[in-house]
Amino acid sequence: MGKPVRIALVAGEASGDLLASHLIAALKQRLPDARFYGIGGPKMEGQGFDAWWPQEKLAVMGYWDALKHYREIAGIRRQLKKRLLEQRPDVFIGVDAPDFNLGLEKDLKRAGIRTVHYVSPSIWAWRGGRVKKIARAVDRLLALFPMEPPLYEKARVPVTYVGHPLADLIPMETPREAVRDKLGLPQDRPIFALLPGSRQGELAAMADTFVQTAKCVHASLPEALFVVPLTTRETRLRFETAIYEQQAGDLAFRLLFGHAQDALGACDVALVKSGTSTLEAALYKRPMVITYKIARFSYWLMKRMAYLPYVGLPNVLAGRFVVPELLQDEATPEKLAEALVNLYQDKDGAREIEAAFADIHRQLRRNTAEKAAQAVIECLN
């Protein structure tokens, strides 16, 4: 018998952990003896992945946070590269985390190890010649979004469009009433989902603003109920502290451990920190306001480099402003609350948003894990 296939992966965030876990499960169907190792999270470990380092080590937010943790992250990459060059896996799959993975992939590819990058860096959002850097680093790129493959094909980078796994997992229609029953929420009250992020740094930046926004919404809609999914004890404590400090204890908050998708399914309108959660909200066909606040230096850099007028994935995929974005200094509680209440009251607008998001859902539904696994197998062969 031949040696089992050895597949190294690096996933640096919760969204990468989800993508990689589905890919590992699909690969195990075809390669039952394969070994998987590298850097990853709990969902990957649940599929038998051997995490040499936990993914939290790579989860940084913006340029300033990355600079603060640069020495530790650079040390991890040096040790990982040394270990991979010694062990020589059959293929290396970098899942998102381009700042960490692309340089590593370039070194591994140069050493004769096949490399796959899963999730295109946002080349459609930034100026500059990043495609050339990617071409030197990867044997194949797995793209989640339909506007990406033509950009790579033009640069002669082997690319496979695999769609997005959330589009496979989330049903085309989710009855609001059924999810409210599941969570024990009233059917007759306006419900706003508040998704301030999954990391402590995001909560530190956004929790106070989200709570103040809820107070402003409550002033216009006293019956409003606010559902807040939080991923850890630390992030829940940070949000509870914000409620206390902003003297908002008389508002109707329902804090959940996890259940972000249930919160989106139950709500009328969502306030969502920019990131993967905005795509989830779109796949649930819910009107939303997209927001974020990051370190001023990071925001200044991003504004200089960006050329698209929008940052939220739903707007990027639609190619227009389907839902409002209020970022950085624009993200005041008053402006956020006004946008949320307007979305709640505009029922015709909500139907138009739902139709635009249904189009996005159909484009992204591609049986992603199977398509990605097939592309990796072809790379192995």
Foldseek 3Di string as FASTA:
>chain_A
DDDQAEEEEADQDPLLQVLVLLLLVLLCVVRVRYAYEEEHADSNVVSVYHHPYYSPLRDADFDVRCVVSVVVLVVSLVVRLVVCLVVVGQEYEYEPPCVSQLVSQLVSVVSVHAYEYEEDDPPVWFDDDVLVSNQSRHQEYEYAADVPPVVNVVVPRHYDDQFRVLLQVQDQEQALVVLCVVVVHDPPAAEEEEEQDADPVSLVFPLLQSLLLLVLLCVVGVRYAYEYEYADPNSVVSNVVSCVVVVVVVGHYHYHHDPLLSSLSNHQEYEHEADVSLLSNLSNLHAYEYEGADPPVRVVVSVVTTDQPDRHPLCVNLVHPLHHYQYHPSSHSNNRNVRRVVSSVPPVSSVVSSVSSSVRSVSRNRNRSNSVNVVVVVSSD
